[in-house]
Amino acid sequence: MRWRALRRPDVVCQEAVQLFTDYLDDALSTKERSRLESHLATCPPCRRYLDQLRSTVATLGHLEPDDVPPPVMDELLEVFRRYRSDAGS
């Protein structure tokens, strides 16, 4: 994905990606949601990414907990933690 630089108070693509999980969990403030939705209205790559994320969440939501072996789950959690840590840097 190519990162687009938009002027504040607009959301840039990198920030949008960081907000998607909270957006899908309905955990954004009204202001953050509005800013993100304004960005999504003008950014096809971010809309596609969000659609892919929704699809992934829907697919994974159908897995039973024991469908994912514990070592694989541990590895996935570690990757996620590293991603979140790097995104906050």
C-alpha atoms as a PDB file:
ATOM      1  CA  MET A   1       0.000   0.000   0.000  1.00  0.00           C
ATOM      2  CA  ARG A   2       1.273   3.472  -0.838  1.00  0.00           C
ATOM      3  CA  TRP A   3       1.080   5.900   2.106  1.00  0.00           C
ATOM      4  CA  ARG A   4      -0.580   9.182   1.206  1.00  0.00           C
ATOM      5  CA  ALA A   5       0.276  12.295   3.135  1.00  0.00           C
ATOM      6  CA  LEU A   6      -2.809  14.374   3.859  1.00  0.00           C
ATOM      7  CA  ARG A   7      -2.837  17.580   5.853  1.00  0.00           C
ATOM      8  CA  ARG A   8      -4.146  17.519   9.426  1.00  0.00           C
ATOM      9  CA  PRO A   9      -6.832  17.221  10.772  1.00  0.00           C
ATOM     10  CA  ASP A  10      -7.221  14.601   8.062  1.00  0.00           C
ATOM     11  CA  VAL A  11      -6.139  11.030   8.679  1.00  0.00           C
ATOM     12  CA  VAL A  12      -3.139   9.693   6.764  1.00  0.00           C
ATOM     13  CA  CYS A  13      -3.170   6.102   5.539  1.00  0.00           C
ATOM     14  CA  GLN A  14      -0.704   4.900   8.165  1.00  0.00           C
ATOM     15  CA  GLU A  15      -2.852   6.350  10.946  1.00  0.00           C
ATOM     16  CA  ALA A  16      -5.984   4.875   9.342  1.00  0.00           C
ATOM     17  CA  VAL A  17      -4.489   1.388   9.435  1.00  0.00           C
ATOM     18  CA  GLN A  18      -3.692   1.848  13.129  1.00  0.00           C
ATOM     19  CA  LEU A  19      -7.311   2.880  13.824  1.00  0.00           C
ATOM     20  CA  PHE A  20      -9.035   0.049  11.943  1.00  0.00           C
ATOM     21  CA  THR A  21      -9.225  -2.415  14.842  1.00  0.00           C
ATOM     22  CA  ASP A  22     -10.809   0.155  17.145  1.00  0.00           C
ATOM     23  CA  TYR A  23     -13.082   1.229  14.284  1.00  0.00           C
ATOM     24  CA  LEU A  24     -14.344  -2.324  13.779  1.00  0.00           C
ATOM     25  CA  ASP A  25     -14.784  -2.710  17.556  1.00  0.00           C
ATOM     26  CA  ASP A  26     -16.753   0.578  17.659  1.00  0.00           C
ATOM     27  CA  ALA A  27     -14.205   1.920  20.141  1.00  0.00           C
ATOM     28  CA  LEU A  28     -13.328   5.232  18.455  1.00  0.00           C
ATOM     29  CA  SER A  29     -14.533   8.593  19.674  1.00  0.00           C
ATOM     30  CA  THR A  30     -17.085  10.338  17.480  1.00  0.00           C
ATOM     31  CA  LYS A  31     -14.373  12.732  16.265  1.00  0.00           C
ATOM     32  CA  GLU A  32     -11.908   9.929  15.424  1.00  0.00           C
ATOM     33  CA  ARG A  33     -14.634   7.929  13.653  1.00  0.00           C
ATOM     34  CA  SER A  34     -15.627  10.960  11.592  1.00  0.00           C
ATOM     35  CA  ARG A  35     -12.013  11.690  10.607  1.00  0.00           C
ATOM     36  CA  LEU A  36     -11.425   8.066   9.643  1.00  0.00           C
ATOM     37  CA  GLU A  37     -14.652   7.829   7.640  1.00  0.00           C
ATOM     38  CA  SER A  38     -13.759  11.052   5.803  1.00  0.00           C
ATOM     39  CA  HIS A  39     -10.420   9.509   4.884  1.00  0.00           C
ATOM     40  CA  LEU A  40     -12.058   6.248   3.787  1.00  0.00           C
ATOM     41  CA  ALA A  41     -14.429   8.196   1.531  1.00  0.00           C
ATOM     42  CA  THR A  42     -11.448   9.489  -0.470  1.00  0.00           C
ATOM     43  CA  CYS A  43      -8.961   6.613  -0.230  1.00  0.00           C
ATOM     44  CA  PRO A  44      -9.732   3.435  -2.223  1.00  0.00           C
ATOM     45  CA  PRO A  45      -6.586   1.600  -0.982  1.00  0.00           C
ATOM     46  CA  CYS A  46      -7.624   2.062   2.657  1.00  0.00           C
ATOM     47  CA  ARG A  47     -11.195   0.966   1.875  1.00  0.00           C
ATOM     48  CA  ARG A  48      -9.837  -2.208   0.249  1.00  0.00           C
ATOM     49  CA  TYR A  49      -7.552  -2.852   3.218  1.00  0.00           C
ATOM     50  CA  LEU A  50     -10.456  -2.384   5.648  1.00  0.00           C
ATOM     51  CA  ASP A  51     -12.630  -4.738   3.577  1.00  0.00           C
ATOM     52  CA  GLN A  52      -9.851  -7.350   3.671  1.00  0.00           C
ATOM     53  CA  LEU A  53      -9.541  -6.912   7.431  1.00  0.00           C
ATOM     54  CA  ARG A  54     -13.309  -7.362   7.865  1.00  0.00           C
ATOM     55  CA  SER A  55     -13.166 -10.518   5.761  1.00  0.00           C
ATOM     56  CA  THR A  56     -10.251 -11.882   7.787  1.00  0.00           C
ATOM     57  CA  VAL A  57     -12.015 -11.155  11.078  1.00  0.00           C
ATOM     58  CA  ALA A  58     -15.201 -12.826   9.817  1.00  0.00           C
ATOM     59  CA  THR A  59     -13.274 -15.912   8.686  1.00  0.00           C
ATOM     60  CA  LEU A  60     -11.266 -16.196  11.890  1.00  0.00           C
ATOM     61  CA  GLY A  61     -14.397 -15.660  13.953  1.00  0.00           C
ATOM     62  CA  HIS A  62     -15.665 -19.038  12.773  1.00  0.00           C
ATOM     63  CA  LEU A  63     -12.658 -20.948  14.079  1.00  0.00           C
ATOM     64  CA  GLU A  64     -13.006 -22.902  17.263  1.00  0.00           C
ATOM     65  CA  PRO A  65     -10.255 -22.153  19.801  1.00  0.00           C
ATOM     66  CA  ASP A  66      -8.778 -25.636  19.515  1.00  0.00           C
ATOM     67  CA  ASP A  67      -8.537 -25.285  15.711  1.00  0.00           C
ATOM     68  CA  VAL A  68      -5.403 -23.213  16.298  1.00  0.00           C
ATOM     69  CA  PRO A  69      -2.612 -25.211  17.938  1.00  0.00           C
ATOM     70  CA  PRO A  70      -1.151 -23.479  21.026  1.00  0.00           C
ATOM     71  CA  PRO A  71       2.331 -22.966  19.491  1.00  0.00           C
ATOM     72  CA  VAL A  72       0.773 -21.296  16.444  1.00  0.00           C
ATOM     73  CA  MET A  73      -1.426 -19.111  18.660  1.00  0.00           C
ATOM     74  CA  ASP A  74       1.623 -18.079  20.699  1.00  0.00           C
ATOM     75  CA  GLU A  75       3.506 -17.174  17.527  1.00  0.00           C
ATOM     76  CA  LEU A  76       0.568 -15.151  16.166  1.00  0.00           C
ATOM     77  CA  LEU A  77       0.221 -13.264  19.426  1.00  0.00           C
ATOM     78  CA  GLU A  78       3.938 -12.474  19.443  1.00  0.00           C
ATOM     79  CA  VAL A  79       3.795 -11.171  15.860  1.00  0.00           C
ATOM     80  CA  PHE A  80       0.811  -9.021  16.767  1.00  0.00           C
ATOM     81  CA  ARG A  81       2.569  -7.652  19.858  1.00  0.00           C
ATOM     82  CA  ARG A  82       5.661  -6.781  17.806  1.00  0.00           C
ATOM     83  CA  TYR A  83       3.510  -5.099  15.155  1.00  0.00           C
ATOM     84  CA  ARG A  84       1.667  -3.026  17.752  1.00  0.00           C
ATOM     85  CA  SER A  85       4.957  -2.113  19.426  1.00  0.00           C
ATOM     86  CA  ASP A  86       6.537  -1.070  16.105  1.00  0.00           C
ATOM     87  CA  ALA A  87       3.417   0.892  15.098  1.00  0.00           C
ATOM     88  CA  GLY A  88       3.625   2.889  18.320  1.00  0.00           C
ATOM     89  CA  SER A  89       7.234   3.880  17.646  1.00  0.00           C
END
